[in-house]
Amino acid sequence: MRIRIEGTHAELANAIRQIRAVLPVGSVSTLLETGRPYTWRVFINTAPDRSTRGRWVT
């Protein structure tokens, strides 16, 4: 699953921390500008359930 998050640096860090606590995270993209001041966008790719032998679903 791909999750898009927008916010300030502090909001992104907090959201990523909370998502990592619940879901297995495969990768986090670099910060992308949104055109608004002090607001960034990041994409998080979550891994499948750990019981599926680690296969990724795209």
PDB file of N, CA and C in Angstrom:
ATOM      1  N   MET A   1       0.854  -1.153   0.000  1.00  0.00           N
ATOM      2  CA  MET A   1       0.000   0.000   0.000  1.00  0.00           C
ATOM      3  C   MET A   1       0.909   1.228   0.000  1.00  0.00           C
ATOM      4  N   ARG A   2       0.522   2.251  -0.724  1.00  0.00           N
ATOM      5  CA  ARG A   2       1.284   3.494  -0.779  1.00  0.00           C
ATOM      6  C   ARG A   2       0.506   4.568  -0.038  1.00  0.00           C
ATOM      7  N   ILE A   3       1.162   5.220   0.909  1.00  0.00           N
ATOM      8  CA  ILE A   3       0.531   6.243   1.736  1.00  0.00           C
ATOM      9  C   ILE A   3       1.198   7.575   1.439  1.00  0.00           C
ATOM     10  N   ARG A   4       0.404   8.611   1.190  1.00  0.00           N
ATOM     11  CA  ARG A   4       0.933   9.953   0.969  1.00  0.00           C
ATOM     12  C   ARG A   4       0.632  10.801   2.196  1.00  0.00           C
ATOM     13  N   ILE A   5       1.651  11.512   2.688  1.00  0.00           N
ATOM     14  CA  ILE A   5       1.498  12.369   3.856  1.00  0.00           C
ATOM     15  C   ILE A   5       2.035  13.748   3.504  1.00  0.00           C
ATOM     16  N   GLU A   6       1.323  14.786   3.893  1.00  0.00           N
ATOM     17  CA  GLU A   6       1.778  16.159   3.707  1.00  0.00           C
ATOM     18  C   GLU A   6       1.797  16.861   5.057  1.00  0.00           C
ATOM     19  N   GLY A   7       2.781  17.739   5.253  1.00  0.00           N
ATOM     20  CA  GLY A   7       2.850  18.503   6.490  1.00  0.00           C
ATOM     21  C   GLY A   7       4.215  19.108   6.687  1.00  0.00           C
ATOM     22  N   THR A   8       4.428  19.669   7.857  1.00  0.00           N
ATOM     23  CA  THR A   8       5.729  20.232   8.212  1.00  0.00           C
ATOM     24  C   THR A   8       6.683  19.101   8.556  1.00  0.00           C
ATOM     25  N   HIS A   9       7.950  19.446   8.754  1.00  0.00           N
ATOM     26  CA  HIS A   9       8.941  18.423   9.106  1.00  0.00           C
ATOM     27  C   HIS A   9       8.537  17.674  10.370  1.00  0.00           C
ATOM     28  N   ALA A  10       8.095  18.392  11.381  1.00  0.00           N
ATOM     29  CA  ALA A  10       7.718  17.758  12.646  1.00  0.00           C
ATOM     30  C   ALA A  10       6.500  16.849  12.467  1.00  0.00           C
ATOM     31  N   GLU A  11       5.510  17.297  11.705  1.00  0.00           N
ATOM     32  CA  GLU A  11       4.318  16.479  11.471  1.00  0.00           C
ATOM     33  C   GLU A  11       4.665  15.212  10.699  1.00  0.00           C
ATOM     34  N   LEU A  12       5.542  15.329   9.702  1.00  0.00           N
ATOM     35  CA  LEU A  12       5.942  14.151   8.924  1.00  0.00           C
ATOM     36  C   LEU A  12       6.701  13.159   9.799  1.00  0.00           C
ATOM     37  N   ALA A  13       7.626  13.651  10.598  1.00  0.00           N
ATOM     38  CA  ALA A  13       8.399  12.764  11.463  1.00  0.00           C
ATOM     39  C   ALA A  13       7.497  12.019  12.441  1.00  0.00           C
ATOM     40  N   ASN A  14       6.539  12.715  13.010  1.00  0.00           N
ATOM     41  CA  ASN A  14       5.615  12.088  13.954  1.00  0.00           C
ATOM     42  C   ASN A  14       4.734  11.059  13.247  1.00  0.00           C
ATOM     43  N   ALA A  15       4.212  11.383  12.078  1.00  0.00           N
ATOM     44  CA  ALA A  15       3.344  10.456  11.351  1.00  0.00           C
ATOM     45  C   ALA A  15       4.108   9.210  10.920  1.00  0.00           C
ATOM     46  N   ILE A  16       5.325   9.383  10.435  1.00  0.00           N
ATOM     47  CA  ILE A  16       6.129   8.230  10.015  1.00  0.00           C
ATOM     48  C   ILE A  16       6.429   7.334  11.213  1.00  0.00           C
ATOM     49  N   ARG A  17       6.742   7.939  12.357  1.00  0.00           N
ATOM     50  CA  ARG A  17       7.010   7.155  13.566  1.00  0.00           C
ATOM     51  C   ARG A  17       5.788   6.336  13.974  1.00  0.00           C
ATOM     52  N   GLN A  18       4.607   6.956  13.916  1.00  0.00           N
ATOM     53  CA  GLN A  18       3.385   6.248  14.299  1.00  0.00           C
ATOM     54  C   GLN A  18       3.042   5.141  13.303  1.00  0.00           C
ATOM     55  N   ILE A  19       3.247   5.388  12.015  1.00  0.00           N
ATOM     56  CA  ILE A  19       2.960   4.355  11.012  1.00  0.00           C
ATOM     57  C   ILE A  19       3.921   3.183  11.164  1.00  0.00           C
ATOM     58  N   ARG A  20       5.189   3.466  11.426  1.00  0.00           N
ATOM     59  CA  ARG A  20       6.170   2.382  11.615  1.00  0.00           C
ATOM     60  C   ARG A  20       5.852   1.527  12.834  1.00  0.00           C
ATOM     61  N   ALA A  21       5.186   2.090  13.808  1.00  0.00           N
ATOM     62  CA  ALA A  21       4.826   1.325  15.004  1.00  0.00           C
ATOM     63  C   ALA A  21       3.715   0.323  14.706  1.00  0.00           C
ATOM     64  N   VAL A  22       2.891   0.602  13.686  1.00  0.00           N
ATOM     65  CA  VAL A  22       1.736  -0.236  13.389  1.00  0.00           C
ATOM     66  C   VAL A  22       1.958  -1.130  12.172  1.00  0.00           C
ATOM     67  N   LEU A  23       2.571  -0.577  11.120  1.00  0.00           N
ATOM     68  CA  LEU A  23       2.737  -1.293   9.858  1.00  0.00           C
ATOM     69  C   LEU A  23       4.208  -1.519   9.550  1.00  0.00           C
ATOM     70  N   PRO A  24       4.539  -2.619   8.877  1.00  0.00           N
ATOM     71  CA  PRO A  24       5.916  -2.800   8.414  1.00  0.00           C
ATOM     72  C   PRO A  24       6.160  -1.891   7.204  1.00  0.00           C
ATOM     73  N   VAL A  25       7.103  -0.966   7.314  1.00  0.00           N
ATOM     74  CA  VAL A  25       7.370   0.015   6.263  1.00  0.00           C
ATOM     75  C   VAL A  25       8.511  -0.482   5.394  1.00  0.00           C
ATOM     76  N   GLY A  26       8.279  -0.494   4.082  1.00  0.00           N
ATOM     77  CA  GLY A  26       9.305  -0.925   3.141  1.00  0.00           C
ATOM     78  C   GLY A  26      10.229   0.196   2.747  1.00  0.00           C
ATOM     79  N   SER A  27       9.674   1.374   2.426  1.00  0.00           N
ATOM     80  CA  SER A  27      10.511   2.501   2.032  1.00  0.00           C
ATOM     81  C   SER A  27       9.772   3.810   2.267  1.00  0.00           C
ATOM     82  N   VAL A  28      10.576   4.868   2.427  1.00  0.00           N
ATOM     83  CA  VAL A  28      10.056   6.215   2.590  1.00  0.00           C
ATOM     84  C   VAL A  28      10.747   7.076   1.543  1.00  0.00           C
ATOM     85  N   SER A  29       9.978   7.818   0.745  1.00  0.00           N
ATOM     86  CA  SER A  29      10.560   8.649  -0.302  1.00  0.00           C
ATOM     87  C   SER A  29      11.258   9.867   0.286  1.00  0.00           C
ATOM     88  N   THR A  30      11.982  10.563  -0.550  1.00  0.00           N
ATOM     89  CA  THR A  30      12.597  11.814  -0.123  1.00  0.00           C
ATOM     90  C   THR A  30      11.516  12.881   0.003  1.00  0.00           C
ATOM     91  N   LEU A  31      11.822  13.964   0.695  1.00  0.00           N
ATOM     92  CA  LEU A  31      10.865  15.055   0.860  1.00  0.00           C
ATOM     93  C   LEU A  31      10.649  15.765  -0.474  1.00  0.00           C
ATOM     94  N   LEU A  32       9.394  15.991  -0.810  1.00  0.00           N
ATOM     95  CA  LEU A  32       9.034  16.681  -2.045  1.00  0.00           C
ATOM     96  C   LEU A  32       8.333  17.986  -1.694  1.00  0.00           C
ATOM     97  N   GLU A  33       8.632  19.041  -2.427  1.00  0.00           N
ATOM     98  CA  GLU A  33       7.979  20.328  -2.181  1.00  0.00           C
ATOM     99  C   GLU A  33       6.542  20.291  -2.697  1.00  0.00           C
ATOM    100  N   THR A  34       5.642  20.984  -1.998  1.00  0.00           N
ATOM    101  CA  THR A  34       4.238  21.006  -2.387  1.00  0.00           C
ATOM    102  C   THR A  34       3.814  22.323  -3.009  1.00  0.00           C
ATOM    103  N   GLY A  35       4.665  23.351  -2.962  1.00  0.00           N
ATOM    104  CA  GLY A  35       4.294  24.656  -3.469  1.00  0.00           C
ATOM    105  C   GLY A  35       3.779  25.588  -2.396  1.00  0.00           C
ATOM    106  N   ARG A  36       3.510  25.044  -1.232  1.00  0.00           N
ATOM    107  CA  ARG A  36       3.100  25.859  -0.085  1.00  0.00           C
ATOM    108  C   ARG A  36       4.289  26.020   0.848  1.00  0.00           C
ATOM    109  N   PRO A  37       4.406  27.148   1.509  1.00  0.00           N
ATOM    110  CA  PRO A  37       5.559  27.349   2.387  1.00  0.00           C
ATOM    111  C   PRO A  37       5.555  26.393   3.584  1.00  0.00           C
ATOM    112  N   TYR A  38       6.726  25.850   3.886  1.00  0.00           N
ATOM    113  CA  TYR A  38       6.951  24.977   5.042  1.00  0.00           C
ATOM    114  C   TYR A  38       6.132  23.687   5.011  1.00  0.00           C
ATOM    115  N   THR A  39       5.657  23.298   3.857  1.00  0.00           N
ATOM    116  CA  THR A  39       4.868  22.073   3.734  1.00  0.00           C
ATOM    117  C   THR A  39       5.566  21.132   2.756  1.00  0.00           C
ATOM    118  N   TRP A  40       5.687  19.883   3.158  1.00  0.00           N
ATOM    119  CA  TRP A  40       6.371  18.881   2.365  1.00  0.00           C
ATOM    120  C   TRP A  40       5.464  17.676   2.154  1.00  0.00           C
ATOM    121  N   ARG A  41       5.801  16.856   1.175  1.00  0.00           N
ATOM    122  CA  ARG A  41       5.037  15.634   0.871  1.00  0.00           C
ATOM    123  C   ARG A  41       6.013  14.465   0.891  1.00  0.00           C
ATOM    124  N   VAL A  42       5.562  13.354   1.425  1.00  0.00           N
ATOM    125  CA  VAL A  42       6.366  12.143   1.458  1.00  0.00           C
ATOM    126  C   VAL A  42       5.459  10.949   1.153  1.00  0.00           C
ATOM    127  N   PHE A  43       6.015   9.943   0.494  1.00  0.00           N
ATOM    128  CA  PHE A  43       5.279   8.717   0.184  1.00  0.00           C
ATOM    129  C   PHE A  43       5.902   7.570   0.963  1.00  0.00           C
ATOM    130  N   ILE A  44       5.051   6.750   1.574  1.00  0.00           N
ATOM    131  CA  ILE A  44       5.497   5.595   2.344  1.00  0.00           C
ATOM    132  C   ILE A  44       4.934   4.343   1.692  1.00  0.00           C
ATOM    133  N   ASN A  45       5.811   3.403   1.373  1.00  0.00           N
ATOM    134  CA  ASN A  45       5.386   2.106   0.852  1.00  0.00           C
ATOM    135  C   ASN A  45       5.416   1.115   2.005  1.00  0.00           C
ATOM    136  N   THR A  46       4.261   0.554   2.310  1.00  0.00           N
ATOM    137  CA  THR A  46       4.193  -0.415   3.392  1.00  0.00           C
ATOM    138  C   THR A  46       4.376  -1.808   2.830  1.00  0.00           C
ATOM    139  N   ALA A  47       4.989  -2.654   3.610  1.00  0.00           N
ATOM    140  CA  ALA A  47       5.231  -4.034   3.214  1.00  0.00           C
ATOM    141  C   ALA A  47       3.967  -4.854   3.469  1.00  0.00           C
ATOM    142  N   PRO A  48       3.882  -6.020   2.855  1.00  0.00           N
ATOM    143  CA  PRO A  48       2.738  -6.888   3.125  1.00  0.00           C
ATOM    144  C   PRO A  48       2.799  -7.446   4.534  1.00  0.00           C
ATOM    145  N   ASP A  49       1.759  -8.121   4.936  1.00  0.00           N
ATOM    146  CA  ASP A  49       1.718  -8.753   6.241  1.00  0.00           C
ATOM    147  C   ASP A  49       2.907  -9.696   6.374  1.00  0.00           C
ATOM    148  N   ARG A  50       3.507  -9.748   7.537  1.00  0.00           N
ATOM    149  CA  ARG A  50       4.726 -10.549   7.728  1.00  0.00           C
ATOM    150  C   ARG A  50       4.496 -12.042   7.511  1.00  0.00           C
ATOM    151  N   SER A  51       3.261 -12.491   7.545  1.00  0.00           N
ATOM    152  CA  SER A  51       2.977 -13.916   7.377  1.00  0.00           C
ATOM    153  C   SER A  51       2.971 -14.335   5.906  1.00  0.00           C
ATOM    154  N   THR A  52       3.160 -13.406   4.963  1.00  0.00           N
ATOM    155  CA  THR A  52       3.128 -13.747   3.535  1.00  0.00           C
ATOM    156  C   THR A  52       4.515 -14.019   2.969  1.00  0.00           C
ATOM    157  N   ARG A  53       5.473 -14.346   3.826  1.00  0.00           N
ATOM    158  CA  ARG A  53       6.840 -14.700   3.433  1.00  0.00           C
ATOM    159  C   ARG A  53       7.580 -13.559   2.746  1.00  0.00           C
ATOM    160  N   GLY A  54       7.235 -12.310   3.040  1.00  0.00           N
ATOM    161  CA  GLY A  54       7.985 -11.180   2.557  1.00  0.00           C
ATOM    162  C   GLY A  54       7.767 -10.788   1.112  1.00  0.00           C
ATOM    163  N   ARG A  55       6.782 -11.313   0.454  1.00  0.00           N
ATOM    164  CA  ARG A  55       6.538 -10.933  -0.944  1.00  0.00           C
ATOM    165  C   ARG A  55       5.832  -9.591  -0.999  1.00  0.00           C
ATOM    166  N   TRP A  56       6.290  -8.732  -1.887  1.00  0.00           N
ATOM    167  CA  TRP A  56       5.702  -7.415  -2.071  1.00  0.00           C
ATOM    168  C   TRP A  56       4.567  -7.489  -3.074  1.00  0.00           C
ATOM    169  N   VAL A  57       3.523  -6.731  -2.818  1.00  0.00           N
ATOM    170  CA  VAL A  57       2.388  -6.626  -3.743  1.00  0.00           C
ATOM    171  C   VAL A  57       2.417  -5.231  -4.314  1.00  0.00           C
ATOM    172  N   THR A  58       2.416  -5.091  -5.643  1.00  0.00           N
ATOM    173  CA  THR A  58       2.458  -3.757  -6.248  1.00  0.00           C
ATOM    174  C   THR A  58       1.152  -3.388  -6.855  1.00  0.00           C
TER     175      THR A  58
END
